[in-house]
């Protein structure tokens, strides 16, 4: 007969391996307010994703708003890169280009260190756009694609996604149609190495109604639209070091998250990014009008009445 004091230890050793595993930490970084009400609601969108994933087993979702995790030091607010040290996935929903929060200071290098050790990296809407000089090479390496000025374009149009590939992120997602600012003619890795397109459609001719400029059009993309070539507006990537990435170019309108299939697709992608098993029917979630109205940025409000972030 085994001594009584050994019984608790033996019971612990008998537990399945999964019982010892710590929750996967998913970090959602929301960019600063921009655009009119109802558009680029980065904070409200990230908090909505957090609510939808609340209670999902084995997952902890943390939201940092205003562009990056920070901490007070000596009366000042400084970047807190250490808040990302144990992140299994980092998703940014923000403005892009020169306003991209990941391009400030030493943040890009900090992200690179986390991706190198295996953290997933994803971007939603404008956040898929770094600058060519700063961030593009990293974004291609970390998530397989990026918006490139004078090549990619950002018109508003109805994406009609009639077929979806068989992939973990598409589990439970039905074909859907939604109007959004779907970016296309993205810059991808050569040969789409490690990249799997998820949402693909043929943009209509009216997407080229604007004059050529850094975001609206160029001869190359006009030719592609004229030829009715399919364009990838969401993709996932598997990287050589085992890390994962995704880019979702929609998300301009906050109301789009009311669409069950669009929301499920992104929630699935967030889990997949952290190497969490996506349920066979995808992430189940319900969003109400009150949920959509919660946490909206106080845009166009007098400065004195603006909510503190």
C-alpha atoms as a PDB file:
ATOM      1  CA  UNK A   1       0.000   0.000   0.000  1.00  0.00           C
ATOM      2  CA  UNK A   2       1.380   3.397  -1.011  1.00  0.00           C
ATOM      3  CA  UNK A   3       1.957   5.975   1.749  1.00  0.00           C
ATOM      4  CA  UNK A   4      -0.957   8.401   2.137  1.00  0.00           C
ATOM      5  CA  UNK A   5       1.217  11.469   1.508  1.00  0.00           C
ATOM      6  CA  UNK A   6       2.088  10.168  -1.987  1.00  0.00           C
ATOM      7  CA  UNK A   7      -1.498   9.884  -3.167  1.00  0.00           C
ATOM      8  CA  UNK A   8      -1.996  13.599  -4.133  1.00  0.00           C
ATOM      9  CA  UNK A   9       1.286  13.542  -6.080  1.00  0.00           C
ATOM     10  CA  UNK A  10       0.302  10.370  -7.920  1.00  0.00           C
ATOM     11  CA  UNK A  11      -3.084  11.862  -8.790  1.00  0.00           C
ATOM     12  CA  UNK A  12      -1.378  14.928 -10.266  1.00  0.00           C
ATOM     13  CA  UNK A  13       0.994  12.775 -12.305  1.00  0.00           C
ATOM     14  CA  UNK A  14      -1.989  10.884 -13.668  1.00  0.00           C
ATOM     15  CA  UNK A  15      -3.543  14.016 -15.172  1.00  0.00           C
ATOM     16  CA  UNK A  16      -3.424  14.285 -18.987  1.00  0.00           C
ATOM     17  CA  UNK A  17      -0.686  16.451 -20.463  1.00  0.00           C
ATOM     18  CA  UNK A  18      -3.231  19.071 -21.592  1.00  0.00           C
ATOM     19  CA  UNK A  19      -4.193  19.749 -17.990  1.00  0.00           C
ATOM     20  CA  UNK A  20      -0.715  21.202 -17.413  1.00  0.00           C
ATOM     21  CA  UNK A  21      -0.762  23.482 -20.448  1.00  0.00           C
ATOM     22  CA  UNK A  22      -1.075  27.205 -19.812  1.00  0.00           C
ATOM     23  CA  UNK A  23      -3.700  29.195 -21.655  1.00  0.00           C
ATOM     24  CA  UNK A  24      -2.651  30.555 -25.029  1.00  0.00           C
ATOM     25  CA  UNK A  25      -2.233  34.324 -24.805  1.00  0.00           C
ATOM     26  CA  UNK A  26      -3.643  36.330 -27.696  1.00  0.00           C
ATOM     27  CA  UNK A  27      -2.813  40.041 -27.817  1.00  0.00           C
ATOM     28  CA  UNK A  28      -5.037  42.386 -29.811  1.00  0.00           C
ATOM     29  CA  UNK A  29      -3.542  45.833 -30.412  1.00  0.00           C
ATOM     30  CA  UNK A  30      -6.091  48.514 -31.311  1.00  0.00           C
ATOM     31  CA  UNK A  31      -4.934  51.634 -33.108  1.00  0.00           C
ATOM     32  CA  UNK A  32      -5.835  55.187 -32.223  1.00  0.00           C
ATOM     33  CA  UNK A  33      -9.185  56.680 -33.320  1.00  0.00           C
ATOM     34  CA  UNK A  34      -9.485  57.738 -36.961  1.00  0.00           C
ATOM     35  CA  UNK A  35     -12.104  58.182 -39.688  1.00  0.00           C
ATOM     36  CA  UNK A  36     -15.766  59.128 -39.119  1.00  0.00           C
ATOM     37  CA  UNK A  37     -17.986  57.250 -36.654  1.00  0.00           C
ATOM     38  CA  UNK A  38     -18.629  53.638 -37.620  1.00  0.00           C
ATOM     39  CA  UNK A  39     -15.401  53.289 -39.582  1.00  0.00           C
ATOM     40  CA  UNK A  40     -11.976  52.192 -38.341  1.00  0.00           C
ATOM     41  CA  UNK A  41     -13.433  51.400 -34.929  1.00  0.00           C
ATOM     42  CA  UNK A  42     -10.254  49.633 -33.897  1.00  0.00           C
ATOM     43  CA  UNK A  43     -10.854  49.617 -30.159  1.00  0.00           C
ATOM     44  CA  UNK A  44     -14.497  48.583 -30.383  1.00  0.00           C
ATOM     45  CA  UNK A  45     -13.603  45.864 -32.878  1.00  0.00           C
ATOM     46  CA  UNK A  46     -10.850  44.390 -30.710  1.00  0.00           C
ATOM     47  CA  UNK A  47     -13.038  44.469 -27.605  1.00  0.00           C
ATOM     48  CA  UNK A  48     -15.802  42.768 -29.597  1.00  0.00           C
ATOM     49  CA  UNK A  49     -13.400  39.971 -30.604  1.00  0.00           C
ATOM     50  CA  UNK A  50     -12.335  39.665 -26.969  1.00  0.00           C
ATOM     51  CA  UNK A  51     -15.977  39.322 -25.893  1.00  0.00           C
ATOM     52  CA  UNK A  52     -16.652  36.715 -28.569  1.00  0.00           C
ATOM     53  CA  UNK A  53     -13.687  34.627 -27.407  1.00  0.00           C
ATOM     54  CA  UNK A  54     -14.404  35.041 -23.687  1.00  0.00           C
ATOM     55  CA  UNK A  55     -14.795  31.632 -22.153  1.00  0.00           C
ATOM     56  CA  UNK A  56     -13.202  29.794 -25.061  1.00  0.00           C
ATOM     57  CA  UNK A  57     -11.212  27.024 -23.375  1.00  0.00           C
ATOM     58  CA  UNK A  58      -7.464  27.374 -23.217  1.00  0.00           C
ATOM     59  CA  UNK A  59      -7.393  30.972 -24.461  1.00  0.00           C
ATOM     60  CA  UNK A  60      -6.700  34.327 -22.821  1.00  0.00           C
ATOM     61  CA  UNK A  61      -7.342  37.447 -24.920  1.00  0.00           C
ATOM     62  CA  UNK A  62      -5.770  40.759 -23.919  1.00  0.00           C
ATOM     63  CA  UNK A  63      -6.562  44.072 -25.620  1.00  0.00           C
ATOM     64  CA  UNK A  64      -4.199  47.046 -25.671  1.00  0.00           C
ATOM     65  CA  UNK A  65      -5.754  50.203 -27.083  1.00  0.00           C
ATOM     66  CA  UNK A  66      -4.262  53.461 -28.313  1.00  0.00           C
ATOM     67  CA  UNK A  67      -1.703  51.701 -30.479  1.00  0.00           C
ATOM     68  CA  UNK A  68       0.613  49.743 -28.202  1.00  0.00           C
ATOM     69  CA  UNK A  69       1.016  48.415 -24.650  1.00  0.00           C
ATOM     70  CA  UNK A  70       2.565  51.105 -22.474  1.00  0.00           C
ATOM     71  CA  UNK A  71       3.590  51.672 -18.879  1.00  0.00           C
ATOM     72  CA  UNK A  72       4.413  54.724 -16.726  1.00  0.00           C
ATOM     73  CA  UNK A  73       8.088  55.320 -16.030  1.00  0.00           C
ATOM     74  CA  UNK A  74       9.371  58.397 -14.232  1.00  0.00           C
ATOM     75  CA  UNK A  75       6.248  60.412 -14.920  1.00  0.00           C
ATOM     76  CA  UNK A  76       6.234  59.473 -18.604  1.00  0.00           C
ATOM     77  CA  UNK A  77       4.454  56.814 -20.603  1.00  0.00           C
ATOM     78  CA  UNK A  78       6.789  54.466 -22.449  1.00  0.00           C
ATOM     79  CA  UNK A  79       6.352  51.384 -24.610  1.00  0.00           C
ATOM     80  CA  UNK A  80       6.004  48.138 -22.698  1.00  0.00           C
ATOM     81  CA  UNK A  81       7.384  45.520 -25.101  1.00  0.00           C
ATOM     82  CA  UNK A  82       7.543  43.040 -22.232  1.00  0.00           C
ATOM     83  CA  UNK A  83       3.736  42.805 -22.341  1.00  0.00           C
ATOM     84  CA  UNK A  84       4.204  40.833 -25.569  1.00  0.00           C
ATOM     85  CA  UNK A  85       6.840  38.457 -24.230  1.00  0.00           C
ATOM     86  CA  UNK A  86       4.461  35.569 -23.581  1.00  0.00           C
ATOM     87  CA  UNK A  87       2.076  36.257 -26.473  1.00  0.00           C
ATOM     88  CA  UNK A  88       1.240  33.283 -28.680  1.00  0.00           C
ATOM     89  CA  UNK A  89      -0.388  35.568 -31.249  1.00  0.00           C
ATOM     90  CA  UNK A  90      -0.337  39.321 -31.880  1.00  0.00           C
ATOM     91  CA  UNK A  91      -3.033  40.945 -34.020  1.00  0.00           C
ATOM     92  CA  UNK A  92      -3.024  44.621 -34.985  1.00  0.00           C
ATOM     93  CA  UNK A  93      -6.190  46.473 -36.066  1.00  0.00           C
ATOM     94  CA  UNK A  94      -5.170  50.054 -36.781  1.00  0.00           C
ATOM     95  CA  UNK A  95      -4.325  52.670 -39.354  1.00  0.00           C
ATOM     96  CA  UNK A  96      -1.343  51.915 -41.551  1.00  0.00           C
ATOM     97  CA  UNK A  97       1.334  53.553 -43.663  1.00  0.00           C
ATOM     98  CA  UNK A  98       3.373  56.130 -41.790  1.00  0.00           C
ATOM     99  CA  UNK A  99       0.696  56.041 -39.040  1.00  0.00           C
ATOM    100  CA  UNK A 100       1.148  52.327 -38.427  1.00  0.00           C
ATOM    101  CA  UNK A 101       1.738  51.844 -34.691  1.00  0.00           C
ATOM    102  CA  UNK A 102       4.141  48.948 -35.286  1.00  0.00           C
ATOM    103  CA  UNK A 103       6.536  51.226 -37.159  1.00  0.00           C
ATOM    104  CA  UNK A 104       7.169  53.630 -34.272  1.00  0.00           C
ATOM    105  CA  UNK A 105      10.413  53.537 -32.333  1.00  0.00           C
ATOM    106  CA  UNK A 106      11.702  50.030 -31.645  1.00  0.00           C
ATOM    107  CA  UNK A 107       8.317  48.315 -31.994  1.00  0.00           C
ATOM    108  CA  UNK A 108       9.027  46.567 -35.299  1.00  0.00           C
ATOM    109  CA  UNK A 109      12.169  45.008 -33.858  1.00  0.00           C
ATOM    110  CA  UNK A 110      10.242  43.960 -30.748  1.00  0.00           C
ATOM    111  CA  UNK A 111       7.627  42.262 -32.919  1.00  0.00           C
ATOM    112  CA  UNK A 112      10.343  40.529 -34.880  1.00  0.00           C
ATOM    113  CA  UNK A 113      11.776  39.012 -31.717  1.00  0.00           C
ATOM    114  CA  UNK A 114       8.368  37.602 -30.758  1.00  0.00           C
ATOM    115  CA  UNK A 115       7.701  36.196 -34.238  1.00  0.00           C
ATOM    116  CA  UNK A 116      11.183  34.654 -34.310  1.00  0.00           C
ATOM    117  CA  UNK A 117      10.377  32.636 -31.204  1.00  0.00           C
ATOM    118  CA  UNK A 118       7.113  31.466 -32.817  1.00  0.00           C
ATOM    119  CA  UNK A 119       4.391  34.012 -32.038  1.00  0.00           C
ATOM    120  CA  UNK A 120       1.757  34.442 -34.747  1.00  0.00           C
ATOM    121  CA  UNK A 121       1.281  37.838 -36.406  1.00  0.00           C
ATOM    122  CA  UNK A 122      -1.894  39.122 -38.037  1.00  0.00           C
ATOM    123  CA  UNK A 123      -3.214  42.423 -39.331  1.00  0.00           C
ATOM    124  CA  UNK A 124      -6.736  43.657 -40.018  1.00  0.00           C
ATOM    125  CA  UNK A 125      -7.731  46.282 -42.602  1.00  0.00           C
ATOM    126  CA  UNK A 126      -5.420  49.333 -42.878  1.00  0.00           C
ATOM    127  CA  UNK A 127      -2.921  47.626 -40.570  1.00  0.00           C
ATOM    128  CA  UNK A 128      -1.904  45.379 -43.496  1.00  0.00           C
ATOM    129  CA  UNK A 129      -0.118  48.428 -44.936  1.00  0.00           C
ATOM    130  CA  UNK A 130       3.391  49.130 -43.631  1.00  0.00           C
ATOM    131  CA  UNK A 131       5.683  51.354 -45.700  1.00  0.00           C
ATOM    132  CA  UNK A 132       7.952  50.007 -48.432  1.00  0.00           C
ATOM    133  CA  UNK A 133      11.000  51.331 -46.612  1.00  0.00           C
ATOM    134  CA  UNK A 134       9.951  50.279 -43.138  1.00  0.00           C
ATOM    135  CA  UNK A 135       8.024  47.107 -42.442  1.00  0.00           C
ATOM    136  CA  UNK A 136       7.226  45.648 -45.846  1.00  0.00           C
ATOM    137  CA  UNK A 137      10.011  43.054 -45.805  1.00  0.00           C
ATOM    138  CA  UNK A 138       9.040  42.077 -42.268  1.00  0.00           C
ATOM    139  CA  UNK A 139       5.309  41.845 -43.036  1.00  0.00           C
ATOM    140  CA  UNK A 140       5.984  39.632 -46.060  1.00  0.00           C
ATOM    141  CA  UNK A 141       8.123  37.386 -43.871  1.00  0.00           C
ATOM    142  CA  UNK A 142       5.679  37.315 -40.955  1.00  0.00           C
ATOM    143  CA  UNK A 143       2.265  37.160 -42.648  1.00  0.00           C
ATOM    144  CA  UNK A 144       2.969  36.494 -46.316  1.00  0.00           C
ATOM    145  CA  UNK A 145       1.571  39.662 -47.851  1.00  0.00           C
ATOM    146  CA  UNK A 146       1.072  43.400 -47.458  1.00  0.00           C
ATOM    147  CA  UNK A 147      -0.492  46.453 -49.059  1.00  0.00           C
ATOM    148  CA  UNK A 148       2.040  48.302 -51.221  1.00  0.00           C
ATOM    149  CA  UNK A 149       1.414  51.887 -52.321  1.00  0.00           C
ATOM    150  CA  UNK A 150       1.350  52.520 -56.082  1.00  0.00           C
ATOM    151  CA  UNK A 151       0.542  48.837 -56.531  1.00  0.00           C
ATOM    152  CA  UNK A 152      -2.301  47.813 -54.214  1.00  0.00           C
ATOM    153  CA  UNK A 153      -5.636  49.689 -54.140  1.00  0.00           C
ATOM    154  CA  UNK A 154      -8.368  50.382 -51.579  1.00  0.00           C
ATOM    155  CA  UNK A 155     -11.797  50.870 -53.222  1.00  0.00           C
ATOM    156  CA  UNK A 156     -15.154  50.179 -51.608  1.00  0.00           C
ATOM    157  CA  UNK A 157     -16.988  47.312 -53.294  1.00  0.00           C
ATOM    158  CA  UNK A 158     -19.176  44.282 -52.688  1.00  0.00           C
ATOM    159  CA  UNK A 159     -17.014  41.240 -52.105  1.00  0.00           C
ATOM    160  CA  UNK A 160     -18.951  38.135 -53.125  1.00  0.00           C
ATOM    161  CA  UNK A 161     -17.117  35.149 -51.712  1.00  0.00           C
ATOM    162  CA  UNK A 162     -18.876  32.214 -53.357  1.00  0.00           C
ATOM    163  CA  UNK A 163     -16.359  29.515 -52.489  1.00  0.00           C
ATOM    164  CA  UNK A 164     -13.963  29.033 -49.598  1.00  0.00           C
ATOM    165  CA  UNK A 165     -10.933  26.738 -49.416  1.00  0.00           C
ATOM    166  CA  UNK A 166     -10.785  23.848 -46.976  1.00  0.00           C
ATOM    167  CA  UNK A 167      -8.739  25.229 -44.100  1.00  0.00           C
ATOM    168  CA  UNK A 168      -8.978  25.493 -40.328  1.00  0.00           C
ATOM    169  CA  UNK A 169      -9.892  29.191 -40.545  1.00  0.00           C
ATOM    170  CA  UNK A 170     -12.871  28.492 -42.821  1.00  0.00           C
ATOM    171  CA  UNK A 171     -14.464  25.889 -40.561  1.00  0.00           C
ATOM    172  CA  UNK A 172     -18.169  26.599 -40.210  1.00  0.00           C
ATOM    173  CA  UNK A 173     -17.972  29.644 -42.512  1.00  0.00           C
ATOM    174  CA  UNK A 174     -20.525  29.822 -45.313  1.00  0.00           C
ATOM    175  CA  UNK A 175     -20.110  31.867 -48.509  1.00  0.00           C
ATOM    176  CA  UNK A 176     -21.061  35.490 -47.880  1.00  0.00           C
ATOM    177  CA  UNK A 177     -21.272  38.889 -49.517  1.00  0.00           C
ATOM    178  CA  UNK A 178     -20.471  42.176 -47.863  1.00  0.00           C
ATOM    179  CA  UNK A 179     -19.619  45.719 -48.856  1.00  0.00           C
ATOM    180  CA  UNK A 180     -16.325  46.869 -47.460  1.00  0.00           C
ATOM    181  CA  UNK A 181     -13.107  48.610 -48.372  1.00  0.00           C
ATOM    182  CA  UNK A 182     -11.571  45.403 -49.676  1.00  0.00           C
ATOM    183  CA  UNK A 183      -7.958  46.075 -50.602  1.00  0.00           C
ATOM    184  CA  UNK A 184      -6.570  44.089 -53.500  1.00  0.00           C
ATOM    185  CA  UNK A 185      -3.581  43.553 -55.771  1.00  0.00           C
ATOM    186  CA  UNK A 186      -1.652  42.928 -52.598  1.00  0.00           C
ATOM    187  CA  UNK A 187       2.080  42.313 -52.637  1.00  0.00           C
ATOM    188  CA  UNK A 188       2.693  38.675 -51.730  1.00  0.00           C
ATOM    189  CA  UNK A 189       5.750  36.509 -51.308  1.00  0.00           C
ATOM    190  CA  UNK A 190       7.142  35.256 -54.600  1.00  0.00           C
ATOM    191  CA  UNK A 191       5.087  32.312 -55.781  1.00  0.00           C
ATOM    192  CA  UNK A 192       2.767  32.644 -52.763  1.00  0.00           C
ATOM    193  CA  UNK A 193       5.250  30.473 -50.865  1.00  0.00           C
ATOM    194  CA  UNK A 194       3.583  29.310 -47.669  1.00  0.00           C
ATOM    195  CA  UNK A 195       0.542  31.486 -48.387  1.00  0.00           C
ATOM    196  CA  UNK A 196      -3.023  30.177 -48.675  1.00  0.00           C
ATOM    197  CA  UNK A 197      -5.634  32.586 -50.108  1.00  0.00           C
ATOM    198  CA  UNK A 198      -8.851  32.509 -48.060  1.00  0.00           C
ATOM    199  CA  UNK A 199     -11.149  35.173 -49.564  1.00  0.00           C
ATOM    200  CA  UNK A 200     -10.964  35.697 -53.312  1.00  0.00           C
ATOM    201  CA  UNK A 201     -13.242  37.552 -55.724  1.00  0.00           C
ATOM    202  CA  UNK A 202     -13.163  39.412 -59.038  1.00  0.00           C
ATOM    203  CA  UNK A 203     -13.408  43.182 -58.419  1.00  0.00           C
ATOM    204  CA  UNK A 204     -16.005  44.949 -60.585  1.00  0.00           C
ATOM    205  CA  UNK A 205     -14.977  47.624 -63.118  1.00  0.00           C
ATOM    206  CA  UNK A 206     -16.219  50.445 -60.884  1.00  0.00           C
ATOM    207  CA  UNK A 207     -13.348  49.795 -58.468  1.00  0.00           C
ATOM    208  CA  UNK A 208     -11.222  51.654 -61.025  1.00  0.00           C
ATOM    209  CA  UNK A 209     -13.410  54.778 -61.209  1.00  0.00           C
ATOM    210  CA  UNK A 210     -10.907  56.886 -59.273  1.00  0.00           C
ATOM    211  CA  UNK A 211      -7.835  58.610 -60.666  1.00  0.00           C
ATOM    212  CA  UNK A 212      -4.466  56.937 -60.276  1.00  0.00           C
ATOM    213  CA  UNK A 213      -2.604  57.726 -57.084  1.00  0.00           C
ATOM    214  CA  UNK A 214      -0.741  55.890 -54.323  1.00  0.00           C
ATOM    215  CA  UNK A 215      -3.884  54.050 -53.150  1.00  0.00           C
ATOM    216  CA  UNK A 216      -6.558  54.434 -55.821  1.00  0.00           C
ATOM    217  CA  UNK A 217      -5.112  53.006 -59.021  1.00  0.00           C
ATOM    218  CA  UNK A 218      -2.193  52.371 -61.353  1.00  0.00           C
ATOM    219  CA  UNK A 219      -1.772  50.924 -64.863  1.00  0.00           C
ATOM    220  CA  UNK A 220      -0.929  47.423 -63.605  1.00  0.00           C
ATOM    221  CA  UNK A 221      -4.027  47.019 -61.441  1.00  0.00           C
ATOM    222  CA  UNK A 222      -6.269  48.578 -64.110  1.00  0.00           C
ATOM    223  CA  UNK A 223      -5.110  45.918 -66.526  1.00  0.00           C
ATOM    224  CA  UNK A 224      -5.846  43.171 -64.008  1.00  0.00           C
ATOM    225  CA  UNK A 225      -9.371  44.444 -63.376  1.00  0.00           C
ATOM    226  CA  UNK A 226      -9.974  44.755 -67.123  1.00  0.00           C
ATOM    227  CA  UNK A 227      -8.946  41.101 -67.495  1.00  0.00           C
ATOM    228  CA  UNK A 228     -11.309  40.090 -64.669  1.00  0.00           C
ATOM    229  CA  UNK A 229      -8.509  38.482 -62.671  1.00  0.00           C
ATOM    230  CA  UNK A 230      -9.430  37.129 -59.204  1.00  0.00           C
ATOM    231  CA  UNK A 231      -7.954  39.010 -56.262  1.00  0.00           C
ATOM    232  CA  UNK A 232      -7.091  37.715 -52.798  1.00  0.00           C
ATOM    233  CA  UNK A 233      -8.364  39.945 -49.989  1.00  0.00           C
ATOM    234  CA  UNK A 234      -7.685  37.594 -47.065  1.00  0.00           C
ATOM    235  CA  UNK A 235      -4.905  35.055 -46.717  1.00  0.00           C
ATOM    236  CA  UNK A 236      -3.045  32.986 -44.138  1.00  0.00           C
ATOM    237  CA  UNK A 237       0.634  32.111 -44.063  1.00  0.00           C
ATOM    238  CA  UNK A 238       2.804  29.403 -42.553  1.00  0.00           C
ATOM    239  CA  UNK A 239       6.390  30.473 -42.040  1.00  0.00           C
ATOM    240  CA  UNK A 240       9.652  28.567 -42.155  1.00  0.00           C
ATOM    241  CA  UNK A 241      10.219  28.911 -38.404  1.00  0.00           C
ATOM    242  CA  UNK A 242       6.779  27.491 -37.596  1.00  0.00           C
ATOM    243  CA  UNK A 243       5.082  30.809 -36.858  1.00  0.00           C
ATOM    244  CA  UNK A 244       1.849  31.764 -38.596  1.00  0.00           C
ATOM    245  CA  UNK A 245       0.366  34.918 -40.073  1.00  0.00           C
ATOM    246  CA  UNK A 246      -2.790  36.283 -41.633  1.00  0.00           C
ATOM    247  CA  UNK A 247      -3.996  39.397 -43.398  1.00  0.00           C
ATOM    248  CA  UNK A 248      -7.660  40.455 -43.571  1.00  0.00           C
ATOM    249  CA  UNK A 249      -8.164  43.547 -45.705  1.00  0.00           C
ATOM    250  CA  UNK A 250     -11.823  44.174 -44.787  1.00  0.00           C
ATOM    251  CA  UNK A 251     -12.981  45.665 -41.521  1.00  0.00           C
ATOM    252  CA  UNK A 252     -13.438  49.288 -42.604  1.00  0.00           C
ATOM    253  CA  UNK A 253     -17.057  49.319 -41.410  1.00  0.00           C
ATOM    254  CA  UNK A 254     -17.699  48.289 -37.819  1.00  0.00           C
ATOM    255  CA  UNK A 255     -21.151  47.062 -38.846  1.00  0.00           C
ATOM    256  CA  UNK A 256     -19.481  44.298 -40.867  1.00  0.00           C
ATOM    257  CA  UNK A 257     -18.770  42.400 -37.652  1.00  0.00           C
ATOM    258  CA  UNK A 258     -22.523  41.811 -37.326  1.00  0.00           C
ATOM    259  CA  UNK A 259     -22.222  39.388 -40.235  1.00  0.00           C
ATOM    260  CA  UNK A 260     -21.871  35.964 -38.664  1.00  0.00           C
ATOM    261  CA  UNK A 261     -19.659  34.454 -41.360  1.00  0.00           C
ATOM    262  CA  UNK A 262     -17.283  37.400 -41.608  1.00  0.00           C
ATOM    263  CA  UNK A 263     -16.915  37.504 -37.834  1.00  0.00           C
ATOM    264  CA  UNK A 264     -16.463  33.744 -37.528  1.00  0.00           C
ATOM    265  CA  UNK A 265     -13.775  33.779 -40.202  1.00  0.00           C
ATOM    266  CA  UNK A 266     -11.681  36.332 -38.331  1.00  0.00           C
ATOM    267  CA  UNK A 267     -12.245  34.703 -34.936  1.00  0.00           C
ATOM    268  CA  UNK A 268     -11.161  31.370 -36.424  1.00  0.00           C
ATOM    269  CA  UNK A 269      -8.070  33.046 -37.872  1.00  0.00           C
ATOM    270  CA  UNK A 270      -7.150  34.577 -34.518  1.00  0.00           C
ATOM    271  CA  UNK A 271      -7.280  31.149 -32.855  1.00  0.00           C
ATOM    272  CA  UNK A 272      -5.364  29.502 -35.704  1.00  0.00           C
ATOM    273  CA  UNK A 273      -2.698  32.196 -35.432  1.00  0.00           C
ATOM    274  CA  UNK A 274      -2.066  31.134 -31.826  1.00  0.00           C
ATOM    275  CA  UNK A 275      -2.027  27.442 -32.832  1.00  0.00           C
ATOM    276  CA  UNK A 276      -5.290  26.786 -31.032  1.00  0.00           C
ATOM    277  CA  UNK A 277      -7.460  24.057 -32.538  1.00  0.00           C
ATOM    278  CA  UNK A 278     -10.390  25.665 -34.348  1.00  0.00           C
ATOM    279  CA  UNK A 279     -13.709  23.871 -33.631  1.00  0.00           C
ATOM    280  CA  UNK A 280     -15.087  21.798 -36.519  1.00  0.00           C
ATOM    281  CA  UNK A 281     -17.958  24.298 -36.878  1.00  0.00           C
ATOM    282  CA  UNK A 282     -15.806  27.340 -36.194  1.00  0.00           C
ATOM    283  CA  UNK A 283     -16.051  29.773 -33.292  1.00  0.00           C
ATOM    284  CA  UNK A 284     -19.644  30.198 -32.157  1.00  0.00           C
ATOM    285  CA  UNK A 285     -20.551  33.753 -31.152  1.00  0.00           C
ATOM    286  CA  UNK A 286     -23.558  36.042 -31.007  1.00  0.00           C
ATOM    287  CA  UNK A 287     -23.399  39.791 -31.457  1.00  0.00           C
ATOM    288  CA  UNK A 288     -26.251  42.144 -30.592  1.00  0.00           C
ATOM    289  CA  UNK A 289     -26.875  45.757 -31.574  1.00  0.00           C
ATOM    290  CA  UNK A 290     -25.805  46.705 -28.059  1.00  0.00           C
ATOM    291  CA  UNK A 291     -22.550  44.804 -28.512  1.00  0.00           C
ATOM    292  CA  UNK A 292     -21.843  46.690 -31.736  1.00  0.00           C
ATOM    293  CA  UNK A 293     -22.632  50.025 -30.106  1.00  0.00           C
ATOM    294  CA  UNK A 294     -20.352  49.374 -27.150  1.00  0.00           C
ATOM    295  CA  UNK A 295     -16.881  50.936 -26.869  1.00  0.00           C
ATOM    296  CA  UNK A 296     -17.134  53.097 -29.989  1.00  0.00           C
ATOM    297  CA  UNK A 297     -14.574  55.895 -30.192  1.00  0.00           C
ATOM    298  CA  UNK A 298     -15.921  59.352 -29.229  1.00  0.00           C
ATOM    299  CA  UNK A 299     -15.312  60.765 -32.675  1.00  0.00           C
ATOM    300  CA  UNK A 300     -16.305  64.312 -33.565  1.00  0.00           C
ATOM    301  CA  UNK A 301     -16.936  65.004 -29.880  1.00  0.00           C
ATOM    302  CA  UNK A 302     -15.644  68.169 -28.166  1.00  0.00           C
ATOM    303  CA  UNK A 303     -12.144  67.558 -26.859  1.00  0.00           C
ATOM    304  CA  UNK A 304     -13.206  68.175 -23.249  1.00  0.00           C
ATOM    305  CA  UNK A 305     -15.778  65.394 -23.463  1.00  0.00           C
ATOM    306  CA  UNK A 306     -13.616  62.800 -25.150  1.00  0.00           C
ATOM    307  CA  UNK A 307     -13.285  59.569 -23.219  1.00  0.00           C
ATOM    308  CA  UNK A 308      -9.870  58.761 -21.861  1.00  0.00           C
ATOM    309  CA  UNK A 309      -8.253  55.758 -23.521  1.00  0.00           C
END
